[in-house]
Each structure stands twice: as C-alpha cells, then as structure tokens.
Amino acid sequence: MANPRILLRKTVPIIGDVTCMATIPNDMEVEAHFLAKEDGIIAGIALAETVFNEVDPSLKVEWSQKDGDYIHKGLKFGKVYGRAHNIVRAERIVLKFMQRMSGIATQTK
C-alpha cells in the first residue's frame, strides 16, 4: 500500500487548502458523506481510513459498506466528521484513490 505521508506531502500543502482557509472558520466541524457517483464495486476504504487518520487522528470515519461490496449510484456508503479544514486536506487523496481503485475493481469483477 502507498505511504499516506508521502501522498499527503506531494498533493496537499502543509498549511492546507487556501480556499478553505479563506472561507471556512478554522474551528468549524462538519459531517461529510461518501456518495456513489455510479453503480460499481467499492474499494479503497482501508486506504481512506489511513489517510484520514494521518491528517487528523480525531476525525471520525464510519462506513456502511466494505471493500468489495457492490454499491448503487446515489448510495451514501460512509461519512467523516471533524474539522472541515482537515477533512478537505484528506479528501483530495481519499477520493482520487477510491475512485481509481473502485473503477479497477468494477472493471475486473
């Protein structure tokens, strides 16, 4: 598995997302949902948890599905709760890899 620290350093500045910093209060807490964009096989949940934990161990992540499950378009299959700035920092990597891994899993199933 790829090292999340290296991925974070390469894709997200240490200070965080500039737009997020300019528009969202630093201490704002939010709940974000994972929503399936199309039918397919979900993959990358373990990597997602690792990335969220690396960015901020206090983020709470919950999944209603597991890697390898078939999901339908529109299904909310997970959520993350915590500081908005830290969720935004992690979500770029999480979404990029989960989309890629899920696409591969769907095509090879």
N, C-alpha and C. Protein backbone atom coordinates (compact mmCIF):
# COMPACT_ATOMS: atom_id res chain seq x y z
N MET A 1 0.85 -1.18 0.00
CA MET A 1 0.00 0.00 0.00
C MET A 1 0.90 1.24 0.00
N ALA A 2 0.44 2.27 -0.70
CA ALA A 2 1.18 3.52 -0.77
C ALA A 2 1.28 4.16 0.62
N ASN A 3 2.38 4.86 0.85
CA ASN A 3 2.57 5.53 2.12
C ASN A 3 1.77 6.84 2.13
N PRO A 4 0.75 6.95 3.01
CA PRO A 4 -0.08 8.15 3.02
C PRO A 4 0.68 9.44 3.33
N ARG A 5 1.75 9.36 4.11
CA ARG A 5 2.53 10.56 4.42
C ARG A 5 3.16 11.14 3.16
N ILE A 6 3.70 10.28 2.31
CA ILE A 6 4.30 10.74 1.06
C ILE A 6 3.23 11.32 0.15
N LEU A 7 2.08 10.65 0.05
CA LEU A 7 1.00 11.15 -0.78
C LEU A 7 0.52 12.52 -0.30
N LEU A 8 0.39 12.68 1.00
CA LEU A 8 -0.06 13.96 1.54
C LEU A 8 0.93 15.07 1.24
N ARG A 9 2.21 14.81 1.42
CA ARG A 9 3.23 15.82 1.15
C ARG A 9 3.24 16.25 -0.30
N LYS A 10 2.99 15.30 -1.20
CA LYS A 10 3.05 15.59 -2.62
C LYS A 10 1.80 16.31 -3.13
N THR A 11 0.66 16.12 -2.49
CA THR A 11 -0.58 16.64 -3.04
C THR A 11 -1.24 17.75 -2.23
N VAL A 12 -0.93 17.86 -0.96
CA VAL A 12 -1.59 18.84 -0.11
C VAL A 12 -0.54 19.65 0.64
N PRO A 13 -0.59 20.98 0.52
CA PRO A 13 0.35 21.80 1.28
C PRO A 13 0.17 21.58 2.78
N ILE A 14 1.25 21.73 3.51
CA ILE A 14 1.21 21.57 4.97
C ILE A 14 0.17 22.52 5.60
N ILE A 15 0.07 23.72 5.05
CA ILE A 15 -0.84 24.71 5.64
C ILE A 15 -2.29 24.43 5.32
N GLY A 16 -2.58 23.58 4.34
CA GLY A 16 -3.95 23.25 4.00
C GLY A 16 -4.41 23.92 2.72
N ASP A 17 -5.70 23.83 2.47
CA ASP A 17 -6.31 24.35 1.26
C ASP A 17 -6.56 25.86 1.42
N VAL A 18 -6.02 26.66 0.50
CA VAL A 18 -6.09 28.12 0.59
C VAL A 18 -7.54 28.60 0.55
N THR A 19 -8.35 28.06 -0.36
CA THR A 19 -9.75 28.47 -0.46
C THR A 19 -10.51 28.13 0.82
N CYS A 20 -10.27 26.94 1.33
CA CYS A 20 -10.91 26.52 2.58
C CYS A 20 -10.53 27.47 3.72
N MET A 21 -9.24 27.80 3.79
CA MET A 21 -8.77 28.68 4.86
C MET A 21 -9.40 30.07 4.76
N ALA A 22 -9.67 30.52 3.54
CA ALA A 22 -10.22 31.87 3.34
C ALA A 22 -11.73 31.94 3.56
N THR A 23 -12.42 30.80 3.47
CA THR A 23 -13.88 30.84 3.50
C THR A 23 -14.54 30.10 4.65
N ILE A 24 -13.81 29.24 5.33
CA ILE A 24 -14.40 28.41 6.39
C ILE A 24 -13.66 28.68 7.70
N PRO A 25 -14.40 28.96 8.78
CA PRO A 25 -13.74 29.18 10.08
C PRO A 25 -12.86 27.99 10.45
N ASN A 26 -11.70 28.28 11.02
CA ASN A 26 -10.70 27.26 11.34
C ASN A 26 -11.24 26.18 12.27
N ASP A 27 -12.13 26.52 13.18
CA ASP A 27 -12.62 25.56 14.16
C ASP A 27 -13.95 24.92 13.78
N MET A 28 -14.45 25.18 12.57
CA MET A 28 -15.74 24.64 12.15
C MET A 28 -15.66 23.12 11.99
N GLU A 29 -16.63 22.43 12.58
CA GLU A 29 -16.72 20.99 12.43
C GLU A 29 -17.89 20.66 11.51
N VAL A 30 -17.69 19.65 10.67
CA VAL A 30 -18.70 19.27 9.69
C VAL A 30 -18.80 17.76 9.60
N GLU A 31 -19.85 17.32 8.94
CA GLU A 31 -20.01 15.91 8.60
C GLU A 31 -20.08 15.83 7.08
N ALA A 32 -19.22 15.05 6.48
CA ALA A 32 -19.19 14.87 5.03
C ALA A 32 -19.54 13.42 4.70
N HIS A 33 -20.26 13.23 3.61
CA HIS A 33 -20.72 11.90 3.23
C HIS A 33 -20.04 11.43 1.95
N PHE A 34 -19.83 10.13 1.86
CA PHE A 34 -19.35 9.50 0.64
C PHE A 34 -20.58 9.06 -0.13
N LEU A 35 -20.72 9.56 -1.36
CA LEU A 35 -21.89 9.29 -2.18
C LEU A 35 -21.43 8.63 -3.49
N ALA A 36 -21.99 7.47 -3.79
CA ALA A 36 -21.61 6.76 -5.01
C ALA A 36 -22.09 7.53 -6.24
N LYS A 37 -21.17 7.78 -7.16
CA LYS A 37 -21.49 8.50 -8.39
C LYS A 37 -22.09 7.58 -9.44
N GLU A 38 -21.85 6.29 -9.30
CA GLU A 38 -22.42 5.30 -10.23
C GLU A 38 -22.38 3.92 -9.59
N ASP A 39 -23.06 2.97 -10.20
CA ASP A 39 -23.05 1.59 -9.71
C ASP A 39 -21.63 1.02 -9.85
N GLY A 40 -21.24 0.16 -8.92
CA GLY A 40 -19.94 -0.47 -9.03
C GLY A 40 -19.49 -1.12 -7.75
N ILE A 41 -18.25 -1.57 -7.75
CA ILE A 41 -17.62 -2.22 -6.59
C ILE A 41 -16.81 -1.17 -5.84
N ILE A 42 -17.01 -1.09 -4.55
CA ILE A 42 -16.27 -0.11 -3.73
C ILE A 42 -14.92 -0.69 -3.34
N ALA A 43 -13.90 0.16 -3.40
CA ALA A 43 -12.55 -0.24 -3.00
C ALA A 43 -11.80 0.97 -2.47
N GLY A 44 -10.87 0.74 -1.56
CA GLY A 44 -10.03 1.80 -1.03
C GLY A 44 -10.41 2.29 0.35
N ILE A 45 -11.32 1.61 1.01
CA ILE A 45 -11.76 2.05 2.33
C ILE A 45 -10.62 2.02 3.34
N ALA A 46 -9.81 0.98 3.32
CA ALA A 46 -8.68 0.89 4.27
C ALA A 46 -7.69 2.04 4.05
N LEU A 47 -7.41 2.35 2.79
CA LEU A 47 -6.51 3.47 2.49
C LEU A 47 -7.14 4.79 2.96
N ALA A 48 -8.44 4.95 2.74
CA ALA A 48 -9.13 6.17 3.16
C ALA A 48 -8.99 6.37 4.68
N GLU A 49 -9.21 5.33 5.43
CA GLU A 49 -9.09 5.43 6.89
C GLU A 49 -7.68 5.82 7.30
N THR A 50 -6.68 5.24 6.62
CA THR A 50 -5.29 5.56 6.92
C THR A 50 -5.00 7.04 6.64
N VAL A 51 -5.47 7.53 5.51
CA VAL A 51 -5.23 8.93 5.15
C VAL A 51 -5.91 9.87 6.13
N PHE A 52 -7.19 9.64 6.44
CA PHE A 52 -7.89 10.50 7.40
C PHE A 52 -7.17 10.49 8.74
N ASN A 53 -6.73 9.33 9.19
CA ASN A 53 -6.03 9.22 10.47
C ASN A 53 -4.70 9.96 10.45
N GLU A 54 -4.02 9.90 9.32
CA GLU A 54 -2.73 10.58 9.19
C GLU A 54 -2.90 12.10 9.23
N VAL A 55 -3.94 12.61 8.59
CA VAL A 55 -4.20 14.05 8.57
C VAL A 55 -4.65 14.54 9.95
N ASP A 56 -5.57 13.79 10.57
CA ASP A 56 -6.10 14.21 11.86
C ASP A 56 -6.69 12.99 12.57
N PRO A 57 -5.99 12.46 13.56
CA PRO A 57 -6.47 11.27 14.27
C PRO A 57 -7.82 11.46 14.97
N SER A 58 -8.25 12.70 15.15
CA SER A 58 -9.54 12.93 15.81
C SER A 58 -10.73 12.85 14.85
N LEU A 59 -10.47 12.75 13.54
CA LEU A 59 -11.57 12.60 12.59
C LEU A 59 -12.26 11.26 12.82
N LYS A 60 -13.58 11.27 12.78
CA LYS A 60 -14.38 10.05 12.97
C LYS A 60 -14.90 9.61 11.61
N VAL A 61 -14.57 8.38 11.23
CA VAL A 61 -14.97 7.84 9.93
C VAL A 61 -15.84 6.61 10.16
N GLU A 62 -16.97 6.54 9.47
CA GLU A 62 -17.88 5.40 9.57
C GLU A 62 -18.25 4.94 8.16
N TRP A 63 -18.36 3.63 7.99
CA TRP A 63 -18.71 3.05 6.69
C TRP A 63 -19.93 2.15 6.85
N SER A 64 -20.82 2.20 5.88
CA SER A 64 -21.96 1.28 5.87
C SER A 64 -21.70 0.12 4.91
N GLN A 65 -20.60 0.20 4.16
CA GLN A 65 -20.21 -0.85 3.22
C GLN A 65 -18.75 -1.19 3.49
N LYS A 66 -18.29 -2.26 2.85
CA LYS A 66 -16.88 -2.64 2.99
C LYS A 66 -16.27 -2.84 1.60
N ASP A 67 -14.94 -2.85 1.54
CA ASP A 67 -14.27 -3.09 0.27
C ASP A 67 -14.81 -4.36 -0.36
N GLY A 68 -15.10 -4.29 -1.66
CA GLY A 68 -15.60 -5.43 -2.39
C GLY A 68 -17.11 -5.48 -2.52
N ASP A 69 -17.82 -4.62 -1.77
CA ASP A 69 -19.28 -4.60 -1.86
C ASP A 69 -19.72 -3.91 -3.14
N TYR A 70 -20.84 -4.40 -3.70
CA TYR A 70 -21.45 -3.75 -4.86
C TYR A 70 -22.34 -2.62 -4.34
N ILE A 71 -22.18 -1.43 -4.90
CA ILE A 71 -23.00 -0.29 -4.47
C ILE A 71 -23.72 0.31 -5.67
N HIS A 72 -24.83 0.98 -5.39
CA HIS A 72 -25.63 1.61 -6.43
C HIS A 72 -25.45 3.12 -6.42
N LYS A 73 -25.59 3.72 -7.59
CA LYS A 73 -25.50 5.16 -7.74
C LYS A 73 -26.43 5.84 -6.74
N GLY A 74 -25.91 6.85 -6.05
CA GLY A 74 -26.70 7.62 -5.09
C GLY A 74 -26.61 7.12 -3.66
N LEU A 75 -26.02 5.95 -3.44
CA LEU A 75 -25.92 5.40 -2.09
C LEU A 75 -24.91 6.17 -1.25
N LYS A 76 -25.30 6.58 -0.06
CA LYS A 76 -24.35 7.13 0.92
C LYS A 76 -23.74 5.93 1.62
N PHE A 77 -22.44 5.71 1.39
CA PHE A 77 -21.82 4.49 1.92
C PHE A 77 -20.81 4.77 3.03
N GLY A 78 -20.64 6.03 3.41
CA GLY A 78 -19.73 6.35 4.51
C GLY A 78 -19.83 7.82 4.86
N LYS A 79 -19.24 8.16 6.00
CA LYS A 79 -19.21 9.57 6.41
C LYS A 79 -17.98 9.82 7.28
N VAL A 80 -17.58 11.08 7.29
CA VAL A 80 -16.46 11.50 8.13
C VAL A 80 -16.89 12.77 8.85
N TYR A 81 -16.54 12.87 10.13
CA TYR A 81 -16.91 14.01 10.95
C TYR A 81 -15.67 14.58 11.62
N GLY A 82 -15.57 15.90 11.62
CA GLY A 82 -14.46 16.57 12.29
C GLY A 82 -14.23 17.95 11.72
N ARG A 83 -13.02 18.48 11.95
CA ARG A 83 -12.68 19.83 11.47
C ARG A 83 -12.71 19.88 9.95
N ALA A 84 -13.46 20.84 9.42
CA ALA A 84 -13.63 20.97 7.97
C ALA A 84 -12.30 21.08 7.25
N HIS A 85 -11.38 21.87 7.78
CA HIS A 85 -10.08 22.06 7.13
C HIS A 85 -9.34 20.74 6.96
N ASN A 86 -9.38 19.91 7.96
CA ASN A 86 -8.66 18.63 7.90
C ASN A 86 -9.36 17.63 6.98
N ILE A 87 -10.68 17.68 6.94
CA ILE A 87 -11.40 16.81 6.01
C ILE A 87 -11.06 17.19 4.58
N VAL A 88 -11.02 18.48 4.30
CA VAL A 88 -10.68 18.94 2.94
C VAL A 88 -9.26 18.53 2.58
N ARG A 89 -8.34 18.64 3.51
CA ARG A 89 -6.95 18.23 3.24
C ARG A 89 -6.88 16.76 2.84
N ALA A 90 -7.63 15.91 3.53
CA ALA A 90 -7.55 14.47 3.28
C ALA A 90 -8.40 14.03 2.09
N GLU A 91 -9.51 14.70 1.83
CA GLU A 91 -10.45 14.20 0.84
C GLU A 91 -9.91 14.17 -0.58
N ARG A 92 -8.98 15.03 -0.90
CA ARG A 92 -8.42 15.00 -2.26
C ARG A 92 -7.77 13.66 -2.55
N ILE A 93 -6.95 13.21 -1.64
CA ILE A 93 -6.27 11.93 -1.82
C ILE A 93 -7.27 10.78 -1.71
N VAL A 94 -8.14 10.83 -0.71
CA VAL A 94 -9.10 9.76 -0.49
C VAL A 94 -9.97 9.56 -1.73
N LEU A 95 -10.55 10.63 -2.24
CA LEU A 95 -11.43 10.50 -3.40
C LEU A 95 -10.68 10.04 -4.64
N LYS A 96 -9.50 10.60 -4.86
CA LYS A 96 -8.71 10.22 -6.03
C LYS A 96 -8.44 8.71 -6.03
N PHE A 97 -7.97 8.20 -4.91
CA PHE A 97 -7.62 6.79 -4.86
C PHE A 97 -8.84 5.88 -4.80
N MET A 98 -9.86 6.27 -4.07
CA MET A 98 -11.06 5.42 -4.01
C MET A 98 -11.73 5.35 -5.39
N GLN A 99 -11.78 6.46 -6.12
CA GLN A 99 -12.37 6.43 -7.45
C GLN A 99 -11.57 5.52 -8.37
N ARG A 100 -10.27 5.64 -8.34
CA ARG A 100 -9.41 4.82 -9.20
C ARG A 100 -9.52 3.34 -8.81
N MET A 101 -9.39 3.05 -7.52
CA MET A 101 -9.43 1.67 -7.06
C MET A 101 -10.80 1.03 -7.30
N SER A 102 -11.86 1.80 -7.09
CA SER A 102 -13.22 1.28 -7.31
C SER A 102 -13.46 1.03 -8.79
N GLY A 103 -12.94 1.91 -9.64
CA GLY A 103 -13.07 1.71 -11.08
C GLY A 103 -12.40 0.43 -11.53
N ILE A 104 -11.21 0.20 -11.03
CA ILE A 104 -10.48 -1.03 -11.37
C ILE A 104 -11.24 -2.26 -10.84
N ALA A 105 -11.69 -2.19 -9.60
CA ALA A 105 -12.43 -3.32 -9.01
C ALA A 105 -13.70 -3.62 -9.80
N THR A 106 -14.38 -2.58 -10.24
CA THR A 106 -15.62 -2.76 -11.00
C THR A 106 -15.34 -3.40 -12.36
N GLN A 107 -14.27 -2.95 -13.01
CA GLN A 107 -13.96 -3.48 -14.34
C GLN A 107 -13.45 -4.92 -14.30
N THR A 108 -12.84 -5.33 -13.21
CA THR A 108 -12.24 -6.66 -13.13
C THR A 108 -13.16 -7.68 -12.48
N LYS A 109 -14.28 -7.25 -11.93
CA LYS A 109 -15.21 -8.17 -11.24
C LYS A 109 -15.96 -9.00 -12.24
